[in-house]
Amino acid sequence: ELARALVAQPKLLMLDEPAGGLNHTE
């Protein structure tokens, strides 16, 4: 999903809780 947001070559990237559901290593 992050790659999909990047592919439009944005000036502003908004990330809504990207760490949700990830473990400490992730």
PDB file of all heavy atoms in Angstrom:
ATOM      1  N   GLU A   1       0.831  -1.201   0.000  1.00  0.00           N
ATOM      2  CA  GLU A   1       0.000   0.000   0.000  1.00  0.00           C
ATOM      3  C   GLU A   1       0.869   1.256   0.000  1.00  0.00           C
ATOM      4  O   GLU A   1       0.541   2.259  -0.649  1.00  0.00           O
ATOM      5  CB  GLU A   1      -0.929   0.009   1.207  1.00  0.00           C
ATOM      6  CG  GLU A   1      -1.937   1.155   1.149  1.00  0.00           C
ATOM      7  CD  GLU A   1      -2.865   1.200   2.346  1.00  0.00           C
ATOM      8  OE1 GLU A   1      -2.401   0.938   3.462  1.00  0.00           O
ATOM      9  OE2 GLU A   1      -4.053   1.510   2.157  1.00  0.00           O
ATOM     10  N   LEU A   2       1.984   1.198   0.676  1.00  0.00           N
ATOM     11  CA  LEU A   2       2.914   2.322   0.683  1.00  0.00           C
ATOM     12  C   LEU A   2       3.494   2.542  -0.715  1.00  0.00           C
ATOM     13  O   LEU A   2       3.608   3.685  -1.185  1.00  0.00           O
ATOM     14  CB  LEU A   2       4.026   2.046   1.694  1.00  0.00           C
ATOM     15  CG  LEU A   2       5.049   3.138   1.945  1.00  0.00           C
ATOM     16  CD1 LEU A   2       4.383   4.472   2.241  1.00  0.00           C
ATOM     17  CD2 LEU A   2       5.972   2.741   3.088  1.00  0.00           C
ATOM     18  N   ALA A   3       3.838   1.464  -1.399  1.00  0.00           N
ATOM     19  CA  ALA A   3       4.332   1.587  -2.780  1.00  0.00           C
ATOM     20  C   ALA A   3       3.272   2.216  -3.675  1.00  0.00           C
ATOM     21  O   ALA A   3       3.581   3.037  -4.549  1.00  0.00           O
ATOM     22  CB  ALA A   3       4.735   0.212  -3.316  1.00  0.00           C
ATOM     23  N   ARG A   4       2.010   1.847  -3.473  1.00  0.00           N
ATOM     24  CA  ARG A   4       0.921   2.422  -4.275  1.00  0.00           C
ATOM     25  C   ARG A   4       0.802   3.925  -4.046  1.00  0.00           C
ATOM     26  O   ARG A   4       0.520   4.690  -4.975  1.00  0.00           O
ATOM     27  CB  ARG A   4      -0.406   1.724  -3.957  1.00  0.00           C
ATOM     28  CG  ARG A   4      -1.552   2.194  -4.834  1.00  0.00           C
ATOM     29  CD  ARG A   4      -2.802   1.362  -4.627  1.00  0.00           C
ATOM     30  NE  ARG A   4      -3.339   1.495  -3.285  1.00  0.00           N
ATOM     31  CZ  ARG A   4      -4.362   0.769  -2.817  1.00  0.00           C
ATOM     32  NH1 ARG A   4      -4.919  -0.154  -3.587  1.00  0.00           N
ATOM     33  NH2 ARG A   4      -4.806   0.950  -1.593  1.00  0.00           N
ATOM     34  N   ALA A   5       1.014   4.359  -2.803  1.00  0.00           N
ATOM     35  CA  ALA A   5       0.974   5.799  -2.516  1.00  0.00           C
ATOM     36  C   ALA A   5       2.169   6.518  -3.135  1.00  0.00           C
ATOM     37  O   ALA A   5       2.056   7.661  -3.577  1.00  0.00           O
ATOM     38  CB  ALA A   5       0.941   6.023  -1.008  1.00  0.00           C
ATOM     39  N   LEU A   6       3.321   5.851  -3.189  1.00  0.00           N
ATOM     40  CA  LEU A   6       4.529   6.478  -3.717  1.00  0.00           C
ATOM     41  C   LEU A   6       4.530   6.593  -5.230  1.00  0.00           C
ATOM     42  O   LEU A   6       5.141   7.508  -5.790  1.00  0.00           O
ATOM     43  CB  LEU A   6       5.760   5.664  -3.290  1.00  0.00           C
ATOM     44  CG  LEU A   6       6.152   5.724  -1.821  1.00  0.00           C
ATOM     45  CD1 LEU A   6       7.248   4.721  -1.539  1.00  0.00           C
ATOM     46  CD2 LEU A   6       6.599   7.136  -1.461  1.00  0.00           C
ATOM     47  N   VAL A   7       3.867   5.672  -5.902  1.00  0.00           N
ATOM     48  CA  VAL A   7       3.987   5.596  -7.354  1.00  0.00           C
ATOM     49  C   VAL A   7       3.414   6.819  -8.044  1.00  0.00           C
ATOM     50  O   VAL A   7       3.776   7.132  -9.183  1.00  0.00           O
ATOM     51  CB  VAL A   7       3.325   4.293  -7.870  1.00  0.00           C
ATOM     52  CG1 VAL A   7       1.815   4.439  -7.954  1.00  0.00           C
ATOM     53  CG2 VAL A   7       3.912   3.874  -9.208  1.00  0.00           C
ATOM     54  N   ALA A   8       2.543   7.558  -7.373  1.00  0.00           N
ATOM     55  CA  ALA A   8       1.995   8.789  -7.940  1.00  0.00           C
ATOM     56  C   ALA A   8       2.958   9.963  -7.792  1.00  0.00           C
ATOM     57  O   ALA A   8       2.634  11.082  -8.187  1.00  0.00           O
ATOM     58  CB  ALA A   8       0.663   9.125  -7.273  1.00  0.00           C
ATOM     59  N   GLN A   9       4.142   9.708  -7.218  1.00  0.00           N
ATOM     60  CA  GLN A   9       5.178  10.719  -7.030  1.00  0.00           C
ATOM     61  C   GLN A   9       4.637  11.952  -6.291  1.00  0.00           C
ATOM     62  O   GLN A   9       4.675  13.072  -6.801  1.00  0.00           O
ATOM     63  CB  GLN A   9       5.788  11.112  -8.383  1.00  0.00           C
ATOM     64  CG  GLN A   9       6.433   9.931  -9.095  1.00  0.00           C
ATOM     65  CD  GLN A   9       6.953  10.256 -10.476  1.00  0.00           C
ATOM     66  OE1 GLN A   9       6.203  10.710 -11.337  1.00  0.00           O
ATOM     67  NE2 GLN A   9       8.227  10.042 -10.694  1.00  0.00           N
ATOM     68  N   PRO A  10       4.131  11.738  -5.079  1.00  0.00           N
ATOM     69  CA  PRO A  10       3.488  12.832  -4.350  1.00  0.00           C
ATOM     70  C   PRO A  10       4.487  13.854  -3.811  1.00  0.00           C
ATOM     71  O   PRO A  10       5.676  13.565  -3.648  1.00  0.00           O
ATOM     72  CB  PRO A  10       2.805  12.105  -3.187  1.00  0.00           C
ATOM     73  CG  PRO A  10       3.696  10.929  -2.932  1.00  0.00           C
ATOM     74  CD  PRO A  10       4.148  10.484  -4.298  1.00  0.00           C
ATOM     75  N   LYS A  11       3.960  15.030  -3.515  1.00  0.00           N
ATOM     76  CA  LYS A  11       4.723  16.038  -2.781  1.00  0.00           C
ATOM     77  C   LYS A  11       4.498  15.858  -1.279  1.00  0.00           C
ATOM     78  O   LYS A  11       5.392  16.138  -0.480  1.00  0.00           O
ATOM     79  CB  LYS A  11       4.278  17.439  -3.204  1.00  0.00           C
ATOM     80  CG  LYS A  11       4.512  17.724  -4.673  1.00  0.00           C
ATOM     81  CD  LYS A  11       3.861  19.033  -5.087  1.00  0.00           C
ATOM     82  CE  LYS A  11       4.006  19.253  -6.586  1.00  0.00           C
ATOM     83  NZ  LYS A  11       3.285  20.475  -7.042  1.00  0.00           N
ATOM     84  N   LEU A  12       3.296  15.416  -0.927  1.00  0.00           N
ATOM     85  CA  LEU A  12       2.947  15.146   0.467  1.00  0.00           C
ATOM     86  C   LEU A  12       2.445  13.722   0.593  1.00  0.00           C
ATOM     87  O   LEU A  12       1.468  13.343  -0.063  1.00  0.00           O
ATOM     88  CB  LEU A  12       1.870  16.122   0.954  1.00  0.00           C
ATOM     89  CG  LEU A  12       1.325  15.874   2.371  1.00  0.00           C
ATOM     90  CD1 LEU A  12       2.420  16.081   3.410  1.00  0.00           C
ATOM     91  CD2 LEU A  12       0.134  16.791   2.658  1.00  0.00           C
ATOM     92  N   LEU A  13       3.115  12.929   1.413  1.00  0.00           N
ATOM     93  CA  LEU A  13       2.704  11.554   1.680  1.00  0.00           C
ATOM     94  C   LEU A  13       2.126  11.495   3.080  1.00  0.00           C
ATOM     95  O   LEU A  13       2.785  11.837   4.061  1.00  0.00           O
ATOM     96  CB  LEU A  13       3.912  10.612   1.579  1.00  0.00           C
ATOM     97  CG  LEU A  13       3.681   9.151   1.975  1.00  0.00           C
ATOM     98  CD1 LEU A  13       2.679   8.478   1.041  1.00  0.00           C
ATOM     99  CD2 LEU A  13       5.011   8.393   1.993  1.00  0.00           C
ATOM    100  N   MET A  14       0.865  11.065   3.196  1.00  0.00           N
ATOM    101  CA  MET A  14       0.170  10.977   4.466  1.00  0.00           C
ATOM    102  C   MET A  14       0.065   9.512   4.884  1.00  0.00           C
ATOM    103  O   MET A  14      -0.516   8.700   4.165  1.00  0.00           O
ATOM    104  CB  MET A  14      -1.217  11.611   4.344  1.00  0.00           C
ATOM    105  CG  MET A  14      -1.172  13.080   3.966  1.00  0.00           C
ATOM    106  SD  MET A  14      -2.804  13.757   3.519  1.00  0.00           S
ATOM    107  CE  MET A  14      -3.758  13.373   4.981  1.00  0.00           C
ATOM    108  N   LEU A  15       0.627   9.193   6.038  1.00  0.00           N
ATOM    109  CA  LEU A  15       0.656   7.821   6.529  1.00  0.00           C
ATOM    110  C   LEU A  15      -0.223   7.711   7.760  1.00  0.00           C
ATOM    111  O   LEU A  15       0.050   8.337   8.789  1.00  0.00           O
ATOM    112  CB  LEU A  15       2.094   7.416   6.877  1.00  0.00           C
ATOM    113  CG  LEU A  15       3.134   7.544   5.754  1.00  0.00           C
ATOM    114  CD1 LEU A  15       4.519   7.177   6.273  1.00  0.00           C
ATOM    115  CD2 LEU A  15       2.746   6.662   4.567  1.00  0.00           C
ATOM    116  N   ASP A  16      -1.271   6.911   7.663  1.00  0.00           N
ATOM    117  CA  ASP A  16      -2.220   6.742   8.762  1.00  0.00           C
ATOM    118  C   ASP A  16      -1.909   5.449   9.501  1.00  0.00           C
ATOM    119  O   ASP A  16      -2.233   4.355   9.055  1.00  0.00           O
ATOM    120  CB  ASP A  16      -3.653   6.724   8.212  1.00  0.00           C
ATOM    121  CG  ASP A  16      -4.705   6.823   9.317  1.00  0.00           C
ATOM    122  OD1 ASP A  16      -4.322   6.845  10.499  1.00  0.00           O
ATOM    123  OD2 ASP A  16      -5.907   6.888   8.992  1.00  0.00           O
ATOM    124  N   GLU A  17      -1.226   5.582  10.643  1.00  0.00           N
ATOM    125  CA  GLU A  17      -0.848   4.469  11.513  1.00  0.00           C
ATOM    126  C   GLU A  17      -0.157   3.338  10.751  1.00  0.00           C
ATOM    127  O   GLU A  17      -0.608   2.182  10.765  1.00  0.00           O
ATOM    128  CB  GLU A  17      -2.063   3.960  12.286  1.00  0.00           C
ATOM    129  CG  GLU A  17      -2.659   5.025  13.200  1.00  0.00           C
ATOM    130  CD  GLU A  17      -3.574   4.460  14.271  1.00  0.00           C
ATOM    131  OE1 GLU A  17      -3.447   3.270  14.590  1.00  0.00           O
ATOM    132  OE2 GLU A  17      -4.400   5.222  14.789  1.00  0.00           O
ATOM    133  N   PRO A  18       0.968   3.640  10.096  1.00  0.00           N
ATOM    134  CA  PRO A  18       1.672   2.597   9.326  1.00  0.00           C
ATOM    135  C   PRO A  18       2.247   1.487  10.192  1.00  0.00           C
ATOM    136  O   PRO A  18       2.485   0.383   9.694  1.00  0.00           O
ATOM    137  CB  PRO A  18       2.789   3.380   8.622  1.00  0.00           C
ATOM    138  CG  PRO A  18       3.022   4.569   9.504  1.00  0.00           C
ATOM    139  CD  PRO A  18       1.656   4.936  10.023  1.00  0.00           C
ATOM    140  N   ALA A  19       2.469   1.746  11.496  1.00  0.00           N
ATOM    141  CA  ALA A  19       3.037   0.718  12.369  1.00  0.00           C
ATOM    142  C   ALA A  19       1.977  -0.152  13.025  1.00  0.00           C
ATOM    143  O   ALA A  19       2.314  -1.101  13.737  1.00  0.00           O
ATOM    144  CB  ALA A  19       3.913   1.369  13.451  1.00  0.00           C
ATOM    145  N   GLY A  20       0.698   0.146  12.809  1.00  0.00           N
ATOM    146  CA  GLY A  20      -0.372  -0.630  13.418  1.00  0.00           C
ATOM    147  C   GLY A  20      -0.303  -2.095  13.018  1.00  0.00           C
ATOM    148  O   GLY A  20      -0.233  -2.423  11.841  1.00  0.00           O
ATOM    149  N   GLY A  21      -0.305  -2.983  13.987  1.00  0.00           N
ATOM    150  CA  GLY A  21      -0.292  -4.413  13.718  1.00  0.00           C
ATOM    151  C   GLY A  21       1.082  -5.000  13.446  1.00  0.00           C
ATOM    152  O   GLY A  21       1.194  -6.197  13.168  1.00  0.00           O
ATOM    153  N   LEU A  22       2.138  -4.180  13.546  1.00  0.00           N
ATOM    154  CA  LEU A  22       3.495  -4.672  13.286  1.00  0.00           C
ATOM    155  C   LEU A  22       4.191  -5.022  14.597  1.00  0.00           C
ATOM    156  O   LEU A  22       3.929  -4.415  15.642  1.00  0.00           O
ATOM    157  CB  LEU A  22       4.314  -3.613  12.535  1.00  0.00           C
ATOM    158  CG  LEU A  22       3.745  -3.094  11.211  1.00  0.00           C
ATOM    159  CD1 LEU A  22       4.736  -2.130  10.568  1.00  0.00           C
ATOM    160  CD2 LEU A  22       3.403  -4.245  10.264  1.00  0.00           C
ATOM    161  N   ASN A  23       5.113  -5.964  14.537  1.00  0.00           N
ATOM    162  CA  ASN A  23       5.898  -6.298  15.727  1.00  0.00           C
ATOM    163  C   ASN A  23       7.092  -5.345  15.843  1.00  0.00           C
ATOM    164  O   ASN A  23       7.311  -4.480  14.983  1.00  0.00           O
ATOM    165  CB  ASN A  23       6.340  -7.769  15.709  1.00  0.00           C
ATOM    166  CG  ASN A  23       7.245  -8.102  14.519  1.00  0.00           C
ATOM    167  OD1 ASN A  23       8.084  -7.301  14.118  1.00  0.00           O
ATOM    168  ND2 ASN A  23       7.071  -9.300  13.974  1.00  0.00           N
ATOM    169  N   HIS A  24       7.882  -5.492  16.908  1.00  0.00           N
ATOM    170  CA  HIS A  24       8.955  -4.535  17.178  1.00  0.00           C
ATOM    171  C   HIS A  24       9.997  -4.505  16.058  1.00  0.00           C
ATOM    172  O   HIS A  24      10.483  -3.434  15.678  1.00  0.00           O
ATOM    173  CB  HIS A  24       9.617  -4.851  18.520  1.00  0.00           C
ATOM    174  CG  HIS A  24       8.735  -4.587  19.706  1.00  0.00           C
ATOM    175  ND1 HIS A  24       8.297  -3.323  20.028  1.00  0.00           N
ATOM    176  CD2 HIS A  24       8.196  -5.416  20.639  1.00  0.00           C
ATOM    177  CE1 HIS A  24       7.531  -3.368  21.107  1.00  0.00           C
ATOM    178  NE2 HIS A  24       7.441  -4.637  21.491  1.00  0.00           N
ATOM    179  N   THR A  25      10.333  -5.656  15.538  1.00  0.00           N
ATOM    180  CA  THR A  25      11.312  -5.708  14.441  1.00  0.00           C
ATOM    181  C   THR A  25      10.765  -5.024  13.200  1.00  0.00           C
ATOM    182  O   THR A  25      11.474  -4.263  12.528  1.00  0.00           O
ATOM    183  CB  THR A  25      11.679  -7.167  14.117  1.00  0.00           C
ATOM    184  OG1 THR A  25      12.252  -7.778  15.277  1.00  0.00           O
ATOM    185  CG2 THR A  25      12.670  -7.238  12.969  1.00  0.00           C
ATOM    186  N   GLU A  26       9.506  -5.277  12.913  1.00  0.00           N
ATOM    187  CA  GLU A  26       8.878  -4.656  11.741  1.00  0.00           C
ATOM    188  C   GLU A  26       8.758  -3.145  11.899  1.00  0.00           C
ATOM    189  O   GLU A  26       8.905  -2.396  10.926  1.00  0.00           O
ATOM    190  CB  GLU A  26       7.507  -5.290  11.496  1.00  0.00           C
ATOM    191  CG  GLU A  26       7.581  -6.735  11.024  1.00  0.00           C
ATOM    192  CD  GLU A  26       6.239  -7.471  11.109  1.00  0.00           C
ATOM    193  OE1 GLU A  26       5.340  -6.983  11.825  1.00  0.00           O
ATOM    194  OE2 GLU A  26       6.119  -8.540  10.483  1.00  0.00           O
TER     195      GLU A  26
END
